[in-house]
Amino acid sequence: RVFALLADPDRHPDLDGSGMVRASHSHLALTELGDVFVMEMERPEVGRYTVENHLVRYEPDRALAWAPATPGEDPPGVVWTWELAPDAGPDGGDRTVVTHTYDWSTVTDPTLLPLLPSVSAEQMQATIGRLAEALA
């Protein structure tokens, strides 16, 4: 259930704890490496804009990662990753350990660097909280 929710770009605005993800322009689930999904975003310092998210990791029920880019351009080096691992709870119930990372360590574009990081640790935690609420 966790993977299916994350693989649905239409649900990303509901999950986003930063308030930047406004709408999905791609209404199909992610199904393979190389998929591209388009999102409408908004940041106070740049206003509204559109990104193409290139799926750079796809492991069914285990991991999804994408690299956002300006439409028609190569991704500049930012990667968002979700990793999922099964975990048997103390009550014997099936649970999922979720790890969400935001990596901008390979970005070299001098116009982009001052805008990074664009999301705080608190906003990342809020996203994980929204994911948990959506699955409850």
C-alpha atoms as a PDB file:
ATOM      1  CA  ARG A   1       0.000   0.000   0.000  1.00  0.00           C
ATOM      2  CA  VAL A   2       2.836   2.426   0.818  1.00  0.00           C
ATOM      3  CA  PHE A   3       4.580   1.907  -2.519  1.00  0.00           C
ATOM      4  CA  ALA A   4       1.324   2.248  -4.479  1.00  0.00           C
ATOM      5  CA  LEU A   5       0.565   5.551  -2.774  1.00  0.00           C
ATOM      6  CA  LEU A   6       4.045   6.949  -3.462  1.00  0.00           C
ATOM      7  CA  ALA A   7       3.914   5.739  -7.084  1.00  0.00           C
ATOM      8  CA  ASP A   8       0.783   7.836  -7.696  1.00  0.00           C
ATOM      9  CA  PRO A   9       1.865  11.397  -8.605  1.00  0.00           C
ATOM     10  CA  ASP A  10      -1.707  12.641  -8.142  1.00  0.00           C
ATOM     11  CA  ARG A  11      -1.324  11.970  -4.395  1.00  0.00           C
ATOM     12  CA  HIS A  12       1.968  13.878  -3.988  1.00  0.00           C
ATOM     13  CA  PRO A  13       0.292  17.251  -3.206  1.00  0.00           C
ATOM     14  CA  ASP A  14      -1.579  15.511  -0.358  1.00  0.00           C
ATOM     15  CA  LEU A  15       1.669  14.127   1.066  1.00  0.00           C
ATOM     16  CA  ASP A  16       3.931  17.179   0.681  1.00  0.00           C
ATOM     17  CA  GLY A  17       4.865  18.681   4.039  1.00  0.00           C
ATOM     18  CA  SER A  18       6.604  21.688   2.469  1.00  0.00           C
ATOM     19  CA  GLY A  19       3.581  23.171   0.704  1.00  0.00           C
ATOM     20  CA  MET A  20       5.529  23.446  -2.562  1.00  0.00           C
ATOM     21  CA  VAL A  21       3.826  20.645  -4.527  1.00  0.00           C
ATOM     22  CA  ARG A  22       0.644  22.139  -5.966  1.00  0.00           C
ATOM     23  CA  ALA A  23      -0.701  19.691  -8.570  1.00  0.00           C
ATOM     24  CA  SER A  24       0.132  16.705 -10.716  1.00  0.00           C
ATOM     25  CA  HIS A  25      -0.012  17.035 -14.477  1.00  0.00           C
ATOM     26  CA  SER A  26       0.666  13.308 -14.832  1.00  0.00           C
ATOM     27  CA  HIS A  27      -2.288  11.146 -13.960  1.00  0.00           C
ATOM     28  CA  LEU A  28      -0.702   7.711 -14.333  1.00  0.00           C
ATOM     29  CA  ALA A  29       1.075   5.622 -11.723  1.00  0.00           C
ATOM     30  CA  LEU A  30       4.838   5.272 -11.981  1.00  0.00           C
ATOM     31  CA  THR A  31       5.616   1.832 -13.376  1.00  0.00           C
ATOM     32  CA  GLU A  32       9.233   1.715 -14.552  1.00  0.00           C
ATOM     33  CA  LEU A  33      12.643   3.292 -14.480  1.00  0.00           C
ATOM     34  CA  GLY A  34      12.750   6.263 -16.834  1.00  0.00           C
ATOM     35  CA  ASP A  35       9.135   7.327 -16.297  1.00  0.00           C
ATOM     36  CA  VAL A  36       8.716  11.104 -16.219  1.00  0.00           C
ATOM     37  CA  PHE A  37       5.948  12.791 -14.258  1.00  0.00           C
ATOM     38  CA  VAL A  38       5.173  16.494 -14.327  1.00  0.00           C
ATOM     39  CA  MET A  39       4.296  18.502 -11.237  1.00  0.00           C
ATOM     40  CA  GLU A  40       3.228  22.087 -10.670  1.00  0.00           C
ATOM     41  CA  MET A  41       5.245  23.648  -7.864  1.00  0.00           C
ATOM     42  CA  GLU A  42       5.402  26.949  -5.985  1.00  0.00           C
ATOM     43  CA  ARG A  43       8.106  28.586  -3.887  1.00  0.00           C
ATOM     44  CA  PRO A  44       7.970  32.128  -2.475  1.00  0.00           C
ATOM     45  CA  GLU A  45      11.361  33.057  -3.947  1.00  0.00           C
ATOM     46  CA  VAL A  46      10.540  31.870  -7.504  1.00  0.00           C
ATOM     47  CA  GLY A  47       6.718  31.724  -7.738  1.00  0.00           C
ATOM     48  CA  ARG A  48       4.880  28.993  -9.661  1.00  0.00           C
ATOM     49  CA  TYR A  49       6.790  26.673 -11.951  1.00  0.00           C
ATOM     50  CA  THR A  50       6.609  23.212 -13.499  1.00  0.00           C
ATOM     51  CA  VAL A  51       9.104  20.360 -13.056  1.00  0.00           C
ATOM     52  CA  GLU A  52       9.651  17.126 -14.913  1.00  0.00           C
ATOM     53  CA  ASN A  53      10.547  14.401 -12.429  1.00  0.00           C
ATOM     54  CA  HIS A  54      12.701  11.668 -13.982  1.00  0.00           C
ATOM     55  CA  LEU A  55      12.391   8.303 -12.261  1.00  0.00           C
ATOM     56  CA  VAL A  56      15.980   7.228 -11.526  1.00  0.00           C
ATOM     57  CA  ARG A  57      15.204   4.309  -9.227  1.00  0.00           C
ATOM     58  CA  TYR A  58      12.290   1.918  -9.373  1.00  0.00           C
ATOM     59  CA  GLU A  59      12.202  -1.189  -7.207  1.00  0.00           C
ATOM     60  CA  PRO A  60       8.616  -2.405  -6.761  1.00  0.00           C
ATOM     61  CA  ASP A  61       7.551  -2.302  -3.112  1.00  0.00           C
ATOM     62  CA  ARG A  62      11.084  -1.238  -2.079  1.00  0.00           C
ATOM     63  CA  ALA A  63      12.188   2.109  -3.539  1.00  0.00           C
ATOM     64  CA  LEU A  64      11.317   5.064  -5.740  1.00  0.00           C
ATOM     65  CA  ALA A  65      13.606   7.980  -6.562  1.00  0.00           C
ATOM     66  CA  TRP A  66      13.278  10.862  -8.961  1.00  0.00           C
ATOM     67  CA  ALA A  67      15.377  13.750 -10.172  1.00  0.00           C
ATOM     68  CA  PRO A  68      13.446  16.958 -10.893  1.00  0.00           C
ATOM     69  CA  ALA A  69      14.362  19.098 -13.885  1.00  0.00           C
ATOM     70  CA  THR A  70      13.188  22.161 -15.722  1.00  0.00           C
ATOM     71  CA  PRO A  71      11.017  20.852 -18.580  1.00  0.00           C
ATOM     72  CA  GLY A  72      13.176  19.859 -21.531  1.00  0.00           C
ATOM     73  CA  GLU A  73      16.429  20.042 -19.560  1.00  0.00           C
ATOM     74  CA  ASP A  74      18.603  17.472 -17.796  1.00  0.00           C
ATOM     75  CA  PRO A  75      18.170  17.122 -14.020  1.00  0.00           C
ATOM     76  CA  PRO A  76      20.686  19.353 -12.178  1.00  0.00           C
ATOM     77  CA  GLY A  77      21.527  16.804  -9.466  1.00  0.00           C
ATOM     78  CA  VAL A  78      18.745  16.876  -6.872  1.00  0.00           C
ATOM     79  CA  VAL A  79      17.289  13.439  -6.072  1.00  0.00           C
ATOM     80  CA  TRP A  80      14.273  12.607  -3.908  1.00  0.00           C
ATOM     81  CA  THR A  81      14.202   9.018  -2.651  1.00  0.00           C
ATOM     82  CA  TRP A  82      11.717   6.829  -0.799  1.00  0.00           C
ATOM     83  CA  GLU A  83      12.989   3.506   0.547  1.00  0.00           C
ATOM     84  CA  LEU A  84      10.673   0.925   2.091  1.00  0.00           C
ATOM     85  CA  ALA A  85      11.573  -2.072   4.221  1.00  0.00           C
ATOM     86  CA  PRO A  86       9.263  -4.648   5.796  1.00  0.00           C
ATOM     87  CA  ASP A  87       9.220  -4.783   9.569  1.00  0.00           C
ATOM     88  CA  ALA A  88       7.304  -7.243  11.689  1.00  0.00           C
ATOM     89  CA  GLY A  89       5.913  -5.280  14.589  1.00  0.00           C
ATOM     90  CA  PRO A  90       6.101  -6.472  18.209  1.00  0.00           C
ATOM     91  CA  ASP A  91       2.458  -7.516  17.889  1.00  0.00           C
ATOM     92  CA  GLY A  92       3.291  -9.661  14.851  1.00  0.00           C
ATOM     93  CA  GLY A  93       1.650  -7.200  12.453  1.00  0.00           C
ATOM     94  CA  ASP A  94       3.203  -6.234   9.178  1.00  0.00           C
ATOM     95  CA  ARG A  95       4.648  -2.737   9.130  1.00  0.00           C
ATOM     96  CA  THR A  96       6.837  -0.756   6.763  1.00  0.00           C
ATOM     97  CA  VAL A  97       9.925   1.229   7.694  1.00  0.00           C
ATOM     98  CA  VAL A  98       9.988   4.343   5.508  1.00  0.00           C
ATOM     99  CA  THR A  99      13.124   6.357   4.734  1.00  0.00           C
ATOM    100  CA  HIS A 100      12.739   9.602   2.812  1.00  0.00           C
ATOM    101  CA  THR A 101      15.851  11.415   1.570  1.00  0.00           C
ATOM    102  CA  TYR A 102      16.523  14.637  -0.283  1.00  0.00           C
ATOM    103  CA  ASP A 103      20.007  14.772  -1.805  1.00  0.00           C
ATOM    104  CA  TRP A 104      21.410  17.845  -3.527  1.00  0.00           C
ATOM    105  CA  SER A 105      25.082  16.950  -3.035  1.00  0.00           C
ATOM    106  CA  THR A 106      25.872  16.759  -6.767  1.00  0.00           C
ATOM    107  CA  VAL A 107      24.313  20.099  -7.740  1.00  0.00           C
ATOM    108  CA  THR A 108      26.881  22.480  -9.238  1.00  0.00           C
ATOM    109  CA  ASP A 109      24.629  25.075 -10.931  1.00  0.00           C
ATOM    110  CA  PRO A 110      25.561  28.416  -9.295  1.00  0.00           C
ATOM    111  CA  THR A 111      22.042  29.788  -9.837  1.00  0.00           C
ATOM    112  CA  LEU A 112      20.463  26.804  -8.096  1.00  0.00           C
ATOM    113  CA  LEU A 113      22.859  26.420  -5.153  1.00  0.00           C
ATOM    114  CA  PRO A 114      21.612  29.514  -3.233  1.00  0.00           C
ATOM    115  CA  LEU A 115      18.084  28.021  -3.272  1.00  0.00           C
ATOM    116  CA  LEU A 116      19.193  24.780  -1.595  1.00  0.00           C
ATOM    117  CA  PRO A 117      18.140  23.154   0.556  1.00  0.00           C
ATOM    118  CA  SER A 118      14.596  23.969  -0.509  1.00  0.00           C
ATOM    119  CA  VAL A 119      13.012  21.744   2.140  1.00  0.00           C
ATOM    120  CA  SER A 120      13.804  21.554   5.841  1.00  0.00           C
ATOM    121  CA  ALA A 121      14.135  18.460   8.017  1.00  0.00           C
ATOM    122  CA  GLU A 122      10.878  19.455   9.706  1.00  0.00           C
ATOM    123  CA  GLN A 123       9.085  19.595   6.353  1.00  0.00           C
ATOM    124  CA  MET A 124      10.496  16.178   5.433  1.00  0.00           C
ATOM    125  CA  GLN A 125       9.190  14.801   8.731  1.00  0.00           C
ATOM    126  CA  ALA A 126       5.803  16.410   8.043  1.00  0.00           C
ATOM    127  CA  THR A 127       5.716  14.602   4.691  1.00  0.00           C
ATOM    128  CA  ILE A 128       6.308  11.258   6.393  1.00  0.00           C
ATOM    129  CA  GLY A 129       3.547  12.141   8.877  1.00  0.00           C
ATOM    130  CA  ARG A 130       1.150  12.898   6.032  1.00  0.00           C
ATOM    131  CA  LEU A 131       2.055   9.598   4.405  1.00  0.00           C
ATOM    132  CA  ALA A 132       1.204   7.786   7.651  1.00  0.00           C
ATOM    133  CA  GLU A 133      -2.099   9.662   7.919  1.00  0.00           C
ATOM    134  CA  ALA A 134      -3.005   8.843   4.308  1.00  0.00           C
ATOM    135  CA  LEU A 135      -2.438   5.145   5.030  1.00  0.00           C
ATOM    136  CA  ALA A 136      -4.328   5.068   8.345  1.00  0.00           C
END
